[in-house]
Amino acid sequence: MTTITPELKTFMNELWDSTAGTTKIVTPIGTGIITEMRTTAGIDIEVAVKIPEIDGLTLFSGIELFEMDRV
């Protein structure tokens, strides 16, 4: 279970407030543009990211991205 810290809450709010089609984000497989966001169970937000080197969209968990950003 993930503990809701002020940092996690801020990160999730920033994901939710991002502008689809213009906000860049670094992911485990490359930098891309957020194309859409949606809520999932609990506190998590799922984002669809278009990474230029990959066909289609890739889905990422906000918690996964937050933990990657913290390393």
PDB file of N, CA and C in Angstrom:
ATOM      1  N   MET A   1       0.842  -1.181   0.000  1.00  0.00           N
ATOM      2  CA  MET A   1       0.000   0.000   0.000  1.00  0.00           C
ATOM      3  C   MET A   1       0.891   1.249   0.000  1.00  0.00           C
ATOM      4  N   THR A   2       0.531   2.212  -0.791  1.00  0.00           N
ATOM      5  CA  THR A   2       1.295   3.441  -0.902  1.00  0.00           C
ATOM      6  C   THR A   2       0.818   4.456   0.133  1.00  0.00           C
ATOM      7  N   THR A   3       1.777   5.065   0.811  1.00  0.00           N
ATOM      8  CA  THR A   3       1.461   6.101   1.777  1.00  0.00           C
ATOM      9  C   THR A   3       1.283   7.422   1.031  1.00  0.00           C
ATOM     10  N   ILE A   4       0.228   8.134   1.360  1.00  0.00           N
ATOM     11  CA  ILE A   4      -0.029   9.416   0.726  1.00  0.00           C
ATOM     12  C   ILE A   4       0.802  10.480   1.441  1.00  0.00           C
ATOM     13  N   THR A   5       1.855  10.902   0.782  1.00  0.00           N
ATOM     14  CA  THR A   5       2.712  11.960   1.320  1.00  0.00           C
ATOM     15  C   THR A   5       2.342  13.276   0.631  1.00  0.00           C
ATOM     16  N   PRO A   6       2.750  14.399   1.197  1.00  0.00           N
ATOM     17  CA  PRO A   6       2.494  15.668   0.505  1.00  0.00           C
ATOM     18  C   PRO A   6       3.134  15.708  -0.890  1.00  0.00           C
ATOM     19  N   GLU A   7       4.304  15.075  -1.029  1.00  0.00           N
ATOM     20  CA  GLU A   7       4.976  15.048  -2.333  1.00  0.00           C
ATOM     21  C   GLU A   7       4.182  14.254  -3.355  1.00  0.00           C
ATOM     22  N   LEU A   8       3.647  13.087  -2.937  1.00  0.00           N
ATOM     23  CA  LEU A   8       2.835  12.262  -3.837  1.00  0.00           C
ATOM     24  C   LEU A   8       1.568  13.008  -4.233  1.00  0.00           C
ATOM     25  N   LYS A   9       0.924  13.642  -3.277  1.00  0.00           N
ATOM     26  CA  LYS A   9      -0.298  14.393  -3.565  1.00  0.00           C
ATOM     27  C   LYS A   9      -0.016  15.511  -4.569  1.00  0.00           C
ATOM     28  N   THR A  10       1.080  16.233  -4.389  1.00  0.00           N
ATOM     29  CA  THR A  10       1.457  17.299  -5.320  1.00  0.00           C
ATOM     30  C   THR A  10       1.717  16.738  -6.707  1.00  0.00           C
ATOM     31  N   PHE A  11       2.448  15.612  -6.785  1.00  0.00           N
ATOM     32  CA  PHE A  11       2.751  14.987  -8.074  1.00  0.00           C
ATOM     33  C   PHE A  11       1.461  14.578  -8.794  1.00  0.00           C
ATOM     34  N   MET A  12       0.538  13.945  -8.079  1.00  0.00           N
ATOM     35  CA  MET A  12      -0.721  13.507  -8.689  1.00  0.00           C
ATOM     36  C   MET A  12      -1.539  14.711  -9.155  1.00  0.00           C
ATOM     37  N   ASN A  13      -1.551  15.778  -8.369  1.00  0.00           N
ATOM     38  CA  ASN A  13      -2.270  16.987  -8.777  1.00  0.00           C
ATOM     39  C   ASN A  13      -1.665  17.582 -10.040  1.00  0.00           C
ATOM     40  N   GLU A  14      -0.338  17.562 -10.135  1.00  0.00           N
ATOM     41  CA  GLU A  14       0.322  18.079 -11.333  1.00  0.00           C
ATOM     42  C   GLU A  14      -0.007  17.224 -12.557  1.00  0.00           C
ATOM     43  N   LEU A  15      -0.061  15.898 -12.371  1.00  0.00           N
ATOM     44  CA  LEU A  15      -0.466  15.027 -13.485  1.00  0.00           C
ATOM     45  C   LEU A  15      -1.889  15.355 -13.928  1.00  0.00           C
ATOM     46  N   TRP A  16      -2.782  15.466 -12.957  1.00  0.00           N
ATOM     47  CA  TRP A  16      -4.185  15.705 -13.259  1.00  0.00           C
ATOM     48  C   TRP A  16      -4.380  17.065 -13.938  1.00  0.00           C
ATOM     49  N   ASP A  17      -3.595  18.056 -13.541  1.00  0.00           N
ATOM     50  CA  ASP A  17      -3.719  19.400 -14.094  1.00  0.00           C
ATOM     51  C   ASP A  17      -2.942  19.592 -15.392  1.00  0.00           C
ATOM     52  N   SER A  18      -2.197  18.575 -15.825  1.00  0.00           N
ATOM     53  CA  SER A  18      -1.395  18.732 -17.040  1.00  0.00           C
ATOM     54  C   SER A  18      -2.316  18.933 -18.248  1.00  0.00           C
ATOM     55  N   THR A  19      -1.787  19.598 -19.247  1.00  0.00           N
ATOM     56  CA  THR A  19      -2.552  19.884 -20.462  1.00  0.00           C
ATOM     57  C   THR A  19      -2.276  18.787 -21.485  1.00  0.00           C
ATOM     58  N   ALA A  20      -3.311  18.021 -21.805  1.00  0.00           N
ATOM     59  CA  ALA A  20      -3.168  16.923 -22.764  1.00  0.00           C
ATOM     60  C   ALA A  20      -2.674  17.459 -24.097  1.00  0.00           C
ATOM     61  N   GLY A  21      -1.662  16.795 -24.628  1.00  0.00           N
ATOM     62  CA  GLY A  21      -1.126  17.168 -25.923  1.00  0.00           C
ATOM     63  C   GLY A  21       0.046  18.131 -25.868  1.00  0.00           C
ATOM     64  N   THR A  22       0.329  18.697 -24.693  1.00  0.00           N
ATOM     65  CA  THR A  22       1.438  19.647 -24.598  1.00  0.00           C
ATOM     66  C   THR A  22       2.399  19.374 -23.447  1.00  0.00           C
ATOM     67  N   THR A  23       1.964  18.652 -22.419  1.00  0.00           N
ATOM     68  CA  THR A  23       2.810  18.429 -21.251  1.00  0.00           C
ATOM     69  C   THR A  23       3.769  17.275 -21.492  1.00  0.00           C
ATOM     70  N   LYS A  24       5.072  17.544 -21.381  1.00  0.00           N
ATOM     71  CA  LYS A  24       6.087  16.500 -21.527  1.00  0.00           C
ATOM     72  C   LYS A  24       6.309  15.808 -20.190  1.00  0.00           C
ATOM     73  N   ILE A  25       6.651  14.514 -20.270  1.00  0.00           N
ATOM     74  CA  ILE A  25       6.934  13.742 -19.066  1.00  0.00           C
ATOM     75  C   ILE A  25       8.004  12.698 -19.382  1.00  0.00           C
ATOM     76  N   VAL A  26       8.871  12.468 -18.419  1.00  0.00           N
ATOM     77  CA  VAL A  26       9.897  11.442 -18.553  1.00  0.00           C
ATOM     78  C   VAL A  26       9.332  10.143 -17.991  1.00  0.00           C
ATOM     79  N   THR A  27       9.426   9.068 -18.777  1.00  0.00           N
ATOM     80  CA  THR A  27       8.916   7.756 -18.377  1.00  0.00           C
ATOM     81  C   THR A  27      10.077   6.763 -18.352  1.00  0.00           C
ATOM     82  N   PRO A  28       9.841   5.553 -17.858  1.00  0.00           N
ATOM     83  CA  PRO A  28      10.919   4.548 -17.857  1.00  0.00           C
ATOM     84  C   PRO A  28      11.418   4.172 -19.257  1.00  0.00           C
ATOM     85  N   ILE A  29      10.615   4.450 -20.299  1.00  0.00           N
ATOM     86  CA  ILE A  29      11.034   4.042 -21.645  1.00  0.00           C
ATOM     87  C   ILE A  29      11.271   5.221 -22.590  1.00  0.00           C
ATOM     88  N   GLY A  30      11.265   6.426 -22.067  1.00  0.00           N
ATOM     89  CA  GLY A  30      11.551   7.595 -22.881  1.00  0.00           C
ATOM     90  C   GLY A  30      10.677   8.782 -22.522  1.00  0.00           C
ATOM     91  N   THR A  31      11.030   9.923 -23.075  1.00  0.00           N
ATOM     92  CA  THR A  31      10.257  11.145 -22.842  1.00  0.00           C
ATOM     93  C   THR A  31       9.145  11.236 -23.864  1.00  0.00           C
ATOM     94  N   GLY A  32       7.960  11.610 -23.393  1.00  0.00           N
ATOM     95  CA  GLY A  32       6.826  11.717 -24.293  1.00  0.00           C
ATOM     96  C   GLY A  32       5.888  12.831 -23.886  1.00  0.00           C
ATOM     97  N   ILE A  33       4.763  12.886 -24.567  1.00  0.00           N
ATOM     98  CA  ILE A  33       3.732  13.896 -24.333  1.00  0.00           C
ATOM     99  C   ILE A  33       2.506  13.202 -23.742  1.00  0.00           C
ATOM    100  N   ILE A  34       1.984  13.742 -22.635  1.00  0.00           N
ATOM    101  CA  ILE A  34       0.759  13.206 -22.048  1.00  0.00           C
ATOM    102  C   ILE A  34      -0.399  13.514 -22.985  1.00  0.00           C
ATOM    103  N   THR A  35      -1.151  12.478 -23.361  1.00  0.00           N
ATOM    104  CA  THR A  35      -2.293  12.688 -24.252  1.00  0.00           C
ATOM    105  C   THR A  35      -3.625  12.628 -23.513  1.00  0.00           C
ATOM    106  N   GLU A  36      -3.666  11.917 -22.401  1.00  0.00           N
ATOM    107  CA  GLU A  36      -4.886  11.894 -21.592  1.00  0.00           C
ATOM    108  C   GLU A  36      -4.575  11.379 -20.194  1.00  0.00           C
ATOM    109  N   MET A  37      -5.452  11.725 -19.261  1.00  0.00           N
ATOM    110  CA  MET A  37      -5.335  11.295 -17.880  1.00  0.00           C
ATOM    111  C   MET A  37      -6.680  10.718 -17.450  1.00  0.00           C
ATOM    112  N   ARG A  38      -6.619   9.772 -16.514  1.00  0.00           N
ATOM    113  CA  ARG A  38      -7.865   9.258 -15.928  1.00  0.00           C
ATOM    114  C   ARG A  38      -7.573   8.751 -14.531  1.00  0.00           C
ATOM    115  N   THR A  39      -8.585   8.792 -13.699  1.00  0.00           N
ATOM    116  CA  THR A  39      -8.417   8.292 -12.346  1.00  0.00           C
ATOM    117  C   THR A  39      -8.535   6.774 -12.351  1.00  0.00           C
ATOM    118  N   THR A  40      -7.903   6.160 -11.377  1.00  0.00           N
ATOM    119  CA  THR A  40      -8.033   4.720 -11.169  1.00  0.00           C
ATOM    120  C   THR A  40      -8.441   4.520  -9.715  1.00  0.00           C
ATOM    121  N   ALA A  41      -8.446   3.299  -9.273  1.00  0.00           N
ATOM    122  CA  ALA A  41      -8.844   3.009  -7.899  1.00  0.00           C
ATOM    123  C   ALA A  41      -7.895   3.685  -6.908  1.00  0.00           C
ATOM    124  N   GLY A  42      -8.444   4.176  -5.825  1.00  0.00           N
ATOM    125  CA  GLY A  42      -7.612   4.802  -4.805  1.00  0.00           C
ATOM    126  C   GLY A  42      -7.144   6.180  -5.223  1.00  0.00           C
ATOM    127  N   ILE A  43      -5.864   6.452  -4.999  1.00  0.00           N
ATOM    128  CA  ILE A  43      -5.321   7.785  -5.274  1.00  0.00           C
ATOM    129  C   ILE A  43      -4.607   7.870  -6.604  1.00  0.00           C
ATOM    130  N   ASP A  44      -4.478   6.776  -7.317  1.00  0.00           N
ATOM    131  CA  ASP A  44      -3.646   6.747  -8.516  1.00  0.00           C
ATOM    132  C   ASP A  44      -4.328   7.410  -9.711  1.00  0.00           C
ATOM    133  N   ILE A  45      -3.504   7.922 -10.600  1.00  0.00           N
ATOM    134  CA  ILE A  45      -3.939   8.487 -11.875  1.00  0.00           C
ATOM    135  C   ILE A  45      -3.167   7.760 -12.963  1.00  0.00           C
ATOM    136  N   GLU A  46      -3.862   7.365 -14.011  1.00  0.00           N
ATOM    137  CA  GLU A  46      -3.205   6.712 -15.137  1.00  0.00           C
ATOM    138  C   GLU A  46      -3.081   7.722 -16.268  1.00  0.00           C
ATOM    139  N   VAL A  47      -1.901   7.772 -16.878  1.00  0.00           N
ATOM    140  CA  VAL A  47      -1.690   8.695 -17.987  1.00  0.00           C
ATOM    141  C   VAL A  47      -1.333   7.914 -19.244  1.00  0.00           C
ATOM    142  N   ALA A  48      -1.866   8.367 -20.367  1.00  0.00           N
ATOM    143  CA  ALA A  48      -1.499   7.827 -21.676  1.00  0.00           C
ATOM    144  C   ALA A  48      -0.456   8.773 -22.253  1.00  0.00           C
ATOM    145  N   VAL A  49       0.667   8.192 -22.686  1.00  0.00           N
ATOM    146  CA  VAL A  49       1.787   8.990 -23.153  1.00  0.00           C
ATOM    147  C   VAL A  49       2.157   8.568 -24.567  1.00  0.00           C
ATOM    148  N   LYS A  50       2.348   9.551 -25.434  1.00  0.00           N
ATOM    149  CA  LYS A  50       2.837   9.299 -26.794  1.00  0.00           C
ATOM    150  C   LYS A  50       4.338   9.523 -26.772  1.00  0.00           C
ATOM    151  N   ILE A  51       5.084   8.430 -26.977  1.00  0.00           N
ATOM    152  CA  ILE A  51       6.541   8.484 -27.025  1.00  0.00           C
ATOM    153  C   ILE A  51       6.932   8.396 -28.492  1.00  0.00           C
ATOM    154  N   PRO A  52       7.682   9.384 -28.999  1.00  0.00           N
ATOM    155  CA  PRO A  52       7.967   9.457 -30.435  1.00  0.00           C
ATOM    156  C   PRO A  52       8.534   8.176 -31.045  1.00  0.00           C
ATOM    157  N   GLU A  53       9.367   7.443 -30.334  1.00  0.00           N
ATOM    158  CA  GLU A  53      10.005   6.247 -30.900  1.00  0.00           C
ATOM    159  C   GLU A  53       9.104   5.004 -30.864  1.00  0.00           C
ATOM    160  N   ILE A  54       7.903   5.130 -30.290  1.00  0.00           N
ATOM    161  CA  ILE A  54       7.014   3.975 -30.116  1.00  0.00           C
ATOM    162  C   ILE A  54       5.674   4.271 -30.782  1.00  0.00           C
ATOM    163  N   ASP A  55       5.155   3.288 -31.543  1.00  0.00           N
ATOM    164  CA  ASP A  55       3.841   3.447 -32.160  1.00  0.00           C
ATOM    165  C   ASP A  55       2.757   3.400 -31.091  1.00  0.00           C
ATOM    166  N   GLY A  56       1.731   4.194 -31.259  1.00  0.00           N
ATOM    167  CA  GLY A  56       0.596   4.184 -30.349  1.00  0.00           C
ATOM    168  C   GLY A  56       0.889   4.897 -29.051  1.00  0.00           C
ATOM    169  N   LEU A  57       0.043   4.617 -28.060  1.00  0.00           N
ATOM    170  CA  LEU A  57       0.166   5.225 -26.737  1.00  0.00           C
ATOM    171  C   LEU A  57       0.610   4.183 -25.730  1.00  0.00           C
ATOM    172  N   THR A  58       1.291   4.632 -24.692  1.00  0.00           N
ATOM    173  CA  THR A  58       1.709   3.754 -23.609  1.00  0.00           C
ATOM    174  C   THR A  58       1.081   4.265 -22.326  1.00  0.00           C
ATOM    175  N   LEU A  59       0.488   3.363 -21.538  1.00  0.00           N
ATOM    176  CA  LEU A  59      -0.149   3.747 -20.282  1.00  0.00           C
ATOM    177  C   LEU A  59       0.824   3.601 -19.121  1.00  0.00           C
ATOM    178  N   PHE A  60       0.791   4.587 -18.227  1.00  0.00           N
ATOM    179  CA  PHE A  60       1.637   4.556 -17.041  1.00  0.00           C
ATOM    180  C   PHE A  60       0.816   4.908 -15.815  1.00  0.00           C
ATOM    181  N   SER A  61       1.135   4.243 -14.720  1.00  0.00           N
ATOM    182  CA  SER A  61       0.561   4.559 -13.426  1.00  0.00           C
ATOM    183  C   SER A  61       1.271   5.790 -12.879  1.00  0.00           C
ATOM    184  N   GLY A  62       0.511   6.708 -12.303  1.00  0.00           N
ATOM    185  CA  GLY A  62       1.110   7.876 -11.682  1.00  0.00           C
ATOM    186  C   GLY A  62       2.045   7.499 -10.550  1.00  0.00           C
ATOM    187  N   ILE A  63       1.685   6.480  -9.777  1.00  0.00           N
ATOM    188  CA  ILE A  63       2.542   6.036  -8.673  1.00  0.00           C
ATOM    189  C   ILE A  63       3.857   5.505  -9.216  1.00  0.00           C
ATOM    190  N   GLU A  64       3.804   4.753 -10.319  1.00  0.00           N
ATOM    191  CA  GLU A  64       5.029   4.245 -10.952  1.00  0.00           C
ATOM    192  C   GLU A  64       5.932   5.408 -11.393  1.00  0.00           C
ATOM    193  N   LEU A  65       5.344   6.414 -12.005  1.00  0.00           N
ATOM    194  CA  LEU A  65       6.110   7.572 -12.454  1.00  0.00           C
ATOM    195  C   LEU A  65       6.679   8.362 -11.268  1.00  0.00           C
ATOM    196  N   PHE A  66       5.890   8.483 -10.211  1.00  0.00           N
ATOM    197  CA  PHE A  66       6.341   9.187  -9.007  1.00  0.00           C
ATOM    198  C   PHE A  66       7.537   8.475  -8.395  1.00  0.00           C
ATOM    199  N   GLU A  67       7.431   7.150  -8.266  1.00  0.00           N
ATOM    200  CA  GLU A  67       8.534   6.383  -7.664  1.00  0.00           C
ATOM    201  C   GLU A  67       9.781   6.440  -8.536  1.00  0.00           C
ATOM    202  N   MET A  68       9.624   6.440  -9.858  1.00  0.00           N
ATOM    203  CA  MET A  68      10.764   6.548 -10.758  1.00  0.00           C
ATOM    204  C   MET A  68      11.435   7.911 -10.592  1.00  0.00           C
ATOM    205  N   ASP A  69      10.632   8.942 -10.445  1.00  0.00           N
ATOM    206  CA  ASP A  69      11.127  10.309 -10.305  1.00  0.00           C
ATOM    207  C   ASP A  69      11.905  10.495  -8.996  1.00  0.00           C
ATOM    208  N   ARG A  70      11.600   9.689  -7.998  1.00  0.00           N
ATOM    209  CA  ARG A  70      12.221   9.821  -6.684  1.00  0.00           C
ATOM    210  C   ARG A  70      13.571   9.115  -6.594  1.00  0.00           C
ATOM    211  N   VAL A  71      13.877   8.246  -7.536  1.00  0.00           N
ATOM    212  CA  VAL A  71      15.124   7.464  -7.478  1.00  0.00           C
ATOM    213  C   VAL A  71      16.305   8.306  -7.909  1.00  0.00           C
TER     214      VAL A  71
END
